Protein backbone atom coordinates (compact mmCIF):
# COMPACT_ATOMS: atom_id res chain seq x y z
CA UNK A 1 50.19 7.56 12.45
CA UNK A 2 48.77 9.75 15.40
CA UNK A 3 48.98 12.87 13.05
CA UNK A 4 47.48 10.52 10.34
CA UNK A 5 44.61 9.84 12.50
CA UNK A 6 43.25 12.81 13.53
CA UNK A 7 43.38 14.43 10.27
CA UNK A 8 41.38 11.41 9.02
CA UNK A 9 38.80 12.23 11.43
CA UNK A 10 38.61 15.75 11.31
CA UNK A 11 38.51 15.54 7.45
CA UNK A 12 35.60 12.74 7.70
CA UNK A 13 33.42 15.07 10.10
CA UNK A 14 34.52 18.31 8.09
CA UNK A 15 32.92 16.14 4.94
CA UNK A 16 29.86 15.15 6.79
CA UNK A 17 29.49 19.48 8.00
CA UNK A 18 29.84 20.23 4.27
CA UNK A 19 27.00 17.65 3.93
CA UNK A 20 24.64 19.14 6.07
CA UNK A 21 25.07 22.58 5.06
CA UNK A 22 24.60 22.11 1.60
CA UNK A 23 21.26 20.06 2.52
CA UNK A 24 19.89 23.72 4.69
CA UNK A 25 21.33 25.52 1.52
CA UNK A 26 23.40 27.71 3.65
CA UNK A 27 27.52 27.98 4.07
CA UNK A 28 29.72 26.09 6.34
CA UNK A 29 31.01 29.29 7.57
CA UNK A 30 27.85 29.86 9.41
CA UNK A 31 28.60 26.90 11.46
CA UNK A 32 28.78 29.06 15.06
CA UNK A 33 30.06 25.42 17.51
CA UNK A 34 30.31 22.47 17.37
CA UNK A 35 30.07 19.80 20.59
CA UNK A 36 32.14 16.37 19.88
CA UNK A 37 31.06 13.18 21.91
CA UNK A 38 32.92 9.32 21.41
CA UNK A 39 34.74 7.32 23.27
CA UNK A 40 38.75 7.86 25.14
CA UNK A 41 40.10 6.66 22.39
CA UNK A 42 38.21 8.40 19.62
CA UNK A 43 37.94 11.90 21.63
CA UNK A 44 42.10 11.49 22.10
CA UNK A 45 42.54 11.26 18.33
CA UNK A 46 40.14 13.67 17.00
CA UNK A 47 41.91 16.29 19.67
CA UNK A 48 45.28 14.86 18.27
CA UNK A 49 46.32 13.45 21.88
CA UNK A 50 48.09 10.32 22.27
CA UNK A 51 46.24 7.78 23.75
CA UNK A 52 48.75 5.56 24.34
CA UNK A 53 48.01 5.73 28.04
CA UNK A 54 44.44 3.81 27.43
CA UNK A 55 46.13 1.01 26.24
CA UNK A 56 48.56 -0.02 29.67
CA UNK A 57 47.80 -0.22 32.90
CA UNK A 58 46.47 1.77 34.76
CA UNK A 59 44.18 2.69 31.54
CA UNK A 60 43.87 5.40 32.33
CA UNK A 61 43.35 8.91 29.73
CA UNK A 62 45.35 11.99 28.95
CA UNK A 63 43.07 14.08 30.28
CA UNK A 64 39.15 14.28 31.89
CA UNK A 65 37.95 17.75 31.76
CA UNK A 66 35.74 19.18 28.93
CA UNK A 67 37.55 20.35 26.22
CA UNK A 68 37.04 23.76 24.14
CA UNK A 69 39.31 24.60 21.10
CA UNK A 70 39.13 26.50 18.07
CA UNK A 71 38.56 24.15 14.79
CA UNK A 72 41.62 25.16 12.92
CA UNK A 73 43.78 24.28 15.69
CA UNK A 74 42.31 20.67 14.84
CA UNK A 75 43.19 20.88 11.61
CA UNK A 76 39.69 22.08 9.83
CA UNK A 77 39.61 24.29 6.47
CA UNK A 78 36.58 25.72 6.63
CA UNK A 79 34.58 25.30 9.93
CA UNK A 80 36.55 27.98 12.36
CA UNK A 81 34.44 27.67 15.19
CA UNK A 82 34.57 26.55 18.87
CA UNK A 83 35.01 23.05 19.32
CA UNK A 84 33.38 21.45 22.36
CA UNK A 85 33.60 17.87 23.96
CA UNK A 86 32.26 16.14 27.01
CA UNK A 87 34.34 15.14 29.69
CA UNK A 88 36.07 11.44 30.53
CA UNK A 89 35.06 9.62 33.47
CA UNK A 90 37.98 6.92 32.72
CA UNK A 91 40.00 5.05 30.21
CA UNK A 92 37.28 3.66 28.94
CA UNK A 93 33.94 5.61 30.07
CA UNK A 94 34.05 8.73 27.26
CA UNK A 95 31.88 11.81 26.75
CA UNK A 96 29.92 9.28 24.38
CA UNK A 97 28.16 7.65 27.89
CA UNK A 98 27.96 10.62 29.48
CA UNK A 99 26.36 12.21 26.83
CA UNK A 100 23.70 9.50 26.65
CA UNK A 101 22.97 10.11 30.07
CA UNK A 102 22.40 13.15 29.86
CA UNK A 103 19.64 12.40 26.51
CA UNK A 104 18.17 9.86 28.50
CA UNK A 105 17.74 12.48 31.38
CA UNK A 106 19.26 9.57 34.34
CA UNK A 107 19.07 12.76 37.04
CA UNK A 108 15.78 12.92 36.72
CA UNK A 109 15.06 8.61 36.73
CA UNK A 110 13.56 6.48 39.60
CA UNK A 111 16.48 5.61 41.21
CA UNK A 112 17.42 1.78 40.34
CA UNK A 113 17.58 2.78 36.57
CA UNK A 114 20.71 1.11 34.65
CA UNK A 115 21.19 2.63 31.48
CA UNK A 116 23.32 0.47 29.11
CA UNK A 117 24.87 1.22 25.51
CA UNK A 118 25.78 -2.19 23.88
CA UNK A 119 28.76 -1.97 21.03
CA UNK A 120 31.87 -2.87 20.70
CA UNK A 121 32.27 -2.56 24.23
CA UNK A 122 29.43 -2.70 26.54
CA UNK A 123 29.07 0.62 28.85
CA UNK A 124 27.01 1.14 31.96
CA UNK A 125 25.47 3.28 34.27
CA UNK A 126 23.68 2.73 37.30
CA UNK A 127 21.81 4.94 39.56
CA UNK A 128 21.67 3.62 42.93
CA UNK A 129 20.73 5.03 46.12
CA UNK A 130 24.05 6.07 47.07
CA UNK A 131 24.75 7.63 43.93
CA UNK A 132 25.66 6.88 40.78
CA UNK A 133 27.93 3.81 39.52
CA UNK A 134 29.84 2.93 36.33
CA UNK A 135 31.38 0.38 34.32
CA UNK A 136 32.98 -0.71 30.18
CA UNK A 137 32.83 -4.65 29.76
CA UNK A 138 34.45 -6.00 26.66
CA UNK A 139 31.49 -7.17 24.60
CA UNK A 140 33.63 -7.54 21.33
CA UNK A 141 32.39 -6.75 17.79
CA UNK A 142 30.06 -9.78 17.56
CA UNK A 143 26.59 -7.88 18.60
CA UNK A 144 27.97 -5.60 15.86
CA UNK A 145 28.30 -8.50 13.63
CA UNK A 146 31.67 -8.27 12.79
CA UNK A 147 34.15 -11.51 13.17
CA UNK A 148 31.21 -13.60 12.62
CA UNK A 149 30.83 -16.13 9.82
CA UNK A 150 28.21 -13.96 7.66
CA UNK A 151 28.51 -10.63 9.83
CA UNK A 152 27.93 -7.75 8.54
CA UNK A 153 26.84 -4.04 9.11
CA UNK A 154 23.39 -2.76 9.31
CA UNK A 155 23.21 -2.28 5.59
CA UNK A 156 20.66 -2.88 2.81
CA UNK A 157 21.02 -7.08 2.08
CA UNK A 158 21.55 -7.18 6.11
CA UNK A 159 19.33 -9.47 7.80
CA UNK A 160 17.61 -7.72 10.75
CA UNK A 161 15.54 -10.38 12.36
CA UNK A 162 14.63 -14.18 12.28
CA UNK A 163 11.69 -15.83 12.88
CA UNK A 164 11.81 -20.17 13.39
CA UNK A 165 8.50 -21.67 14.62
CA UNK A 166 10.58 -25.10 15.38
CA UNK A 167 13.38 -26.98 15.13
CA UNK A 168 11.93 -29.41 12.32
CA UNK A 169 10.68 -25.52 10.21
CA UNK A 170 12.68 -23.45 7.73
CA UNK A 171 13.82 -20.39 9.01
CA UNK A 172 12.13 -17.01 8.07
CA UNK A 173 13.35 -13.69 8.31
CA UNK A 174 13.64 -10.09 7.39
CA UNK A 175 15.75 -8.44 5.39
CA UNK A 176 16.89 -4.60 5.36
CA UNK A 177 16.05 -2.92 2.00
CA UNK A 178 17.44 0.32 0.18
CA UNK A 179 14.61 2.79 0.14
CA UNK A 180 15.25 3.36 -3.47
CA UNK A 181 15.84 -0.12 -4.76
CA UNK A 182 12.39 -0.87 -6.59
CA UNK A 183 13.17 -5.10 -6.16
CA UNK A 184 13.73 -6.86 -3.07
CA UNK A 185 17.07 -7.11 -2.19
CA UNK A 186 18.17 -10.69 -1.09
CA UNK A 187 20.26 -11.87 2.29
CA UNK A 188 23.95 -11.61 2.01
CA UNK A 189 25.04 -11.32 6.02
CA UNK A 190 23.32 -11.16 8.81
CA UNK A 191 23.87 -7.90 10.89
CA UNK A 192 24.18 -7.19 14.93
CA UNK A 193 20.37 -7.62 15.73
CA UNK A 194 20.04 -10.36 13.16
CA UNK A 195 22.56 -12.73 15.35
CA UNK A 196 21.03 -11.82 18.26
CA UNK A 197 17.44 -12.62 17.23
CA UNK A 198 18.84 -15.95 15.00
CA UNK A 199 20.87 -16.78 18.71
CA UNK A 200 17.63 -16.28 20.89
CA UNK A 201 15.21 -18.31 18.09
CA UNK A 202 17.46 -20.73 18.12
CA UNK A 203 17.58 -21.55 21.72
CA UNK A 204 13.84 -21.30 22.07
CA UNK A 205 13.10 -23.67 19.19
CA UNK A 206 16.29 -25.97 21.22
CA UNK A 207 18.41 -26.23 18.74
CA UNK A 208 21.12 -24.57 21.06
CA UNK A 209 21.04 -26.05 24.33
CA UNK A 210 21.81 -23.68 27.46
CA UNK A 211 25.36 -24.27 27.42
CA UNK A 212 25.16 -22.97 23.86
CA UNK A 213 25.67 -25.99 21.84
CA UNK A 214 23.95 -26.82 18.60
CA UNK A 215 22.04 -29.85 18.76
CA UNK A 216 22.24 -33.76 17.56
CA UNK A 217 19.38 -34.36 15.29
CA UNK A 218 19.12 -35.52 11.76
CA UNK A 219 15.15 -33.78 12.19
CA UNK A 220 16.24 -30.21 11.72
CA UNK A 221 16.47 -29.21 8.39
CA UNK A 222 18.91 -26.44 8.72
CA UNK A 223 21.03 -28.11 10.69
CA UNK A 224 24.58 -28.74 8.83
CA UNK A 225 28.50 -29.60 9.12
CA UNK A 226 31.05 -27.53 7.02
CA UNK A 227 33.98 -28.79 5.31
CA UNK A 228 36.07 -28.97 8.53
CA UNK A 229 33.24 -30.65 10.17
CA UNK A 230 32.33 -27.65 12.44
CA UNK A 231 28.46 -27.59 12.60
CA UNK A 232 26.42 -24.53 11.24
CA UNK A 233 22.45 -23.50 10.72
CA UNK A 234 21.49 -22.43 7.22
CA UNK A 235 19.35 -19.50 7.88
CA UNK A 236 19.19 -18.49 3.91
CA UNK A 237 20.76 -20.45 1.19
CA UNK A 238 22.53 -19.15 -1.68
CA UNK A 239 20.48 -19.18 -5.36
CA UNK A 240 19.54 -17.07 -8.43
CA UNK A 241 19.62 -13.61 -6.92
CA UNK A 242 22.72 -12.83 -6.35
CA UNK A 243 23.66 -14.32 -3.28
CA UNK A 244 26.80 -15.02 -3.32
CA UNK A 245 27.50 -17.97 -0.62
CA UNK A 246 24.90 -19.04 2.01
CA UNK A 247 23.85 -17.24 5.43
CA UNK A 248 24.53 -19.00 8.32
CA UNK A 249 25.38 -19.04 12.21
CA UNK A 250 27.86 -21.11 13.18
CA UNK A 251 28.91 -23.27 16.21
CA UNK A 252 31.65 -20.90 16.96
CA UNK A 253 29.81 -17.49 16.12
CA UNK A 254 27.53 -18.90 19.09
CA UNK A 255 30.40 -19.28 21.33
CA UNK A 256 31.24 -15.38 20.04
CA UNK A 257 27.81 -14.22 21.63
CA UNK A 258 28.38 -16.09 24.36
CA UNK A 259 31.01 -14.13 25.08
CA UNK A 260 29.98 -10.77 24.50
CA UNK A 261 26.64 -11.56 26.56
CA UNK A 262 28.66 -12.73 29.61
CA UNK A 263 30.86 -9.63 29.76
CA UNK A 264 27.63 -7.08 28.99
CA UNK A 265 26.10 -9.56 32.16
CA UNK A 266 28.69 -9.51 34.15
CA UNK A 267 29.25 -5.95 34.22
CA UNK A 268 25.67 -5.29 34.84
CA UNK A 269 25.71 -8.04 38.05
CA UNK A 270 28.63 -5.82 39.56
CA UNK A 271 26.83 -2.49 39.15
CA UNK A 272 24.14 -4.30 41.21
CA UNK A 273 26.18 -5.81 43.57
CA UNK A 274 27.61 -2.06 44.84
CA UNK A 275 23.54 -1.64 46.12
CA UNK A 276 23.04 -5.42 47.02
CA UNK A 277 20.03 -5.45 44.63
CA UNK A 278 19.33 -8.34 41.79
CA UNK A 279 17.56 -6.63 39.30
CA UNK A 280 17.54 -2.71 38.45
CA UNK A 281 13.77 -1.11 38.56
CA UNK A 282 14.09 0.19 35.17
CA UNK A 283 16.58 -0.72 31.97
CA UNK A 284 17.24 2.34 29.48
CA UNK A 285 19.01 0.50 26.43
CA UNK A 286 20.60 3.11 24.42
CA UNK A 287 22.90 3.07 21.01
CA UNK A 288 22.29 2.79 17.08
CA UNK A 289 22.16 -1.07 17.55
CA UNK A 290 20.78 -1.61 20.91
CA UNK A 291 17.86 0.94 18.86
CA UNK A 292 16.59 -2.81 16.46
CA UNK A 293 17.01 -5.30 19.27
CA UNK A 294 14.15 -7.06 21.26
CA UNK A 295 13.45 -7.40 24.73
CA UNK A 296 12.54 -10.43 24.71
CA UNK A 297 15.56 -11.56 22.72
CA UNK A 298 17.85 -9.89 24.91
CA UNK A 299 16.53 -11.63 28.20
CA UNK A 300 16.06 -14.99 26.28
CA UNK A 301 20.30 -14.55 25.83
CA UNK A 302 20.97 -13.07 29.50
CA UNK A 303 22.04 -10.17 27.76
CA UNK A 304 20.19 -8.38 30.39
CA UNK A 305 18.84 -9.20 33.94
CA UNK A 306 15.02 -10.21 33.30
CA UNK A 307 12.38 -7.79 34.31
CA UNK A 308 8.89 -7.45 32.99
CA UNK A 309 9.09 -6.13 29.79
CA UNK A 310 7.25 -2.87 29.97
CA UNK A 311 10.74 -1.91 32.54
CA UNK A 312 12.71 -2.04 29.48
CA UNK A 313 12.51 1.34 27.27
CA UNK A 314 14.34 1.04 24.00
CA UNK A 315 16.04 4.37 23.74
CA UNK A 316 17.72 4.77 20.03
CA UNK A 317 20.79 7.02 19.82
CA UNK A 318 21.17 8.69 23.38
CA UNK A 319 24.77 9.81 23.17
CA UNK A 320 23.35 11.87 19.81
CA UNK A 321 20.01 13.32 21.67
CA UNK A 322 22.95 14.57 24.80
CA UNK A 323 25.33 15.88 22.44
CA UNK A 324 22.56 17.94 21.12
CA UNK A 325 21.08 18.95 24.21
CA UNK A 326 24.14 20.07 24.88
CA UNK A 327 24.85 21.83 21.88
CA UNK A 328 21.89 23.71 22.36
CA UNK A 329 21.77 24.81 26.35
CA UNK A 330 24.87 24.99 27.84
CA UNK A 331 23.43 23.88 31.17
CA UNK A 332 23.15 20.18 30.04
CA UNK A 333 27.02 20.26 29.28
CA UNK A 334 27.31 21.31 32.47
CA UNK A 335 25.40 18.83 34.00
CA UNK A 336 27.70 16.37 32.19
CA UNK A 337 30.74 17.93 33.78
CA UNK A 338 28.89 17.45 37.56
CA UNK A 339 27.93 13.69 36.89
CA UNK A 340 31.68 12.50 35.34
CA UNK A 341 32.61 13.70 39.17
CA UNK A 342 30.37 11.97 40.70
CA UNK A 343 30.38 8.63 39.15
CA UNK A 344 32.18 5.83 40.68
CA UNK A 345 33.77 3.67 37.79
CA UNK A 346 33.58 -0.03 39.18
CA UNK A 347 36.80 -2.01 37.51
CA UNK A 348 35.82 -5.52 36.49
CA UNK A 349 39.20 -6.76 36.27
CA UNK A 350 39.98 -5.69 40.11
CA UNK A 351 36.67 -6.17 41.05
CA UNK A 352 35.55 -10.06 43.63
């Protein structure tokens, strides 16, 4: 299926490029260069290189070096320009986290800076006194809303923030709205930031305890049991406004969040352990998902170490920023190549 997957990736990128040039009222042929960043699996598929080695011990990519190839060799029909990719660090640390490091200007950051990119994988880079350390931790799909009872992407209709004044109060929430929608869109599920927000609020209100168990208290008005007898917390009830089902967060969902946050904070602690420090001097949170997270919520759940909020920077899509920087100035691509050779990879599976 490798050729089929590559064709789908390339076709999708080409369609996106056509939309961009159409918006700018220029021709696709005017594109002179492309810069591609992504995780190792996606980079392999994009380039048509078998990624099988990533899936078996010792989990290494088929290549590490930055690549340069013509667009037509990848299967592009209209894009014949040179295509550059960022290098890779390991089987689980690819061009995306390197691009994020370039976008964050990690080389100029103070010693003790921790870069955190949260998604299905949590990718971390720490700048220590002795150099750069990096690791990848399997945070799972819960942080992105997948695999949860009412999880969904961060699209219109998704609850992205939950507010709870106390265990006996009904929850309030905000819903992502479509820009071209005149009538307020009802909630239909929880996106990743909504799940994090809800879990943190439930903990602060005492609805769940420090072990993640939901309380036994008849005074908690939104606490209920489903048909299987499992506890769940009702965030938004279905009604006449096109909601097809209740929006809830279940005990099972809480356990998924715990697994994800445990993987993330374990990765952080192992990086800090390399330089025998307990907390970083600064935390930079990257990624489209990370842009919508609340600093207090992250620390409440123990996703990141407790530091003063002013030491946490929510930086947005740094991988995209780093890709643009390298596209416009080759010196940044060279910086990425240099950084890739300097990073010490910490393998969590073999660390103690």
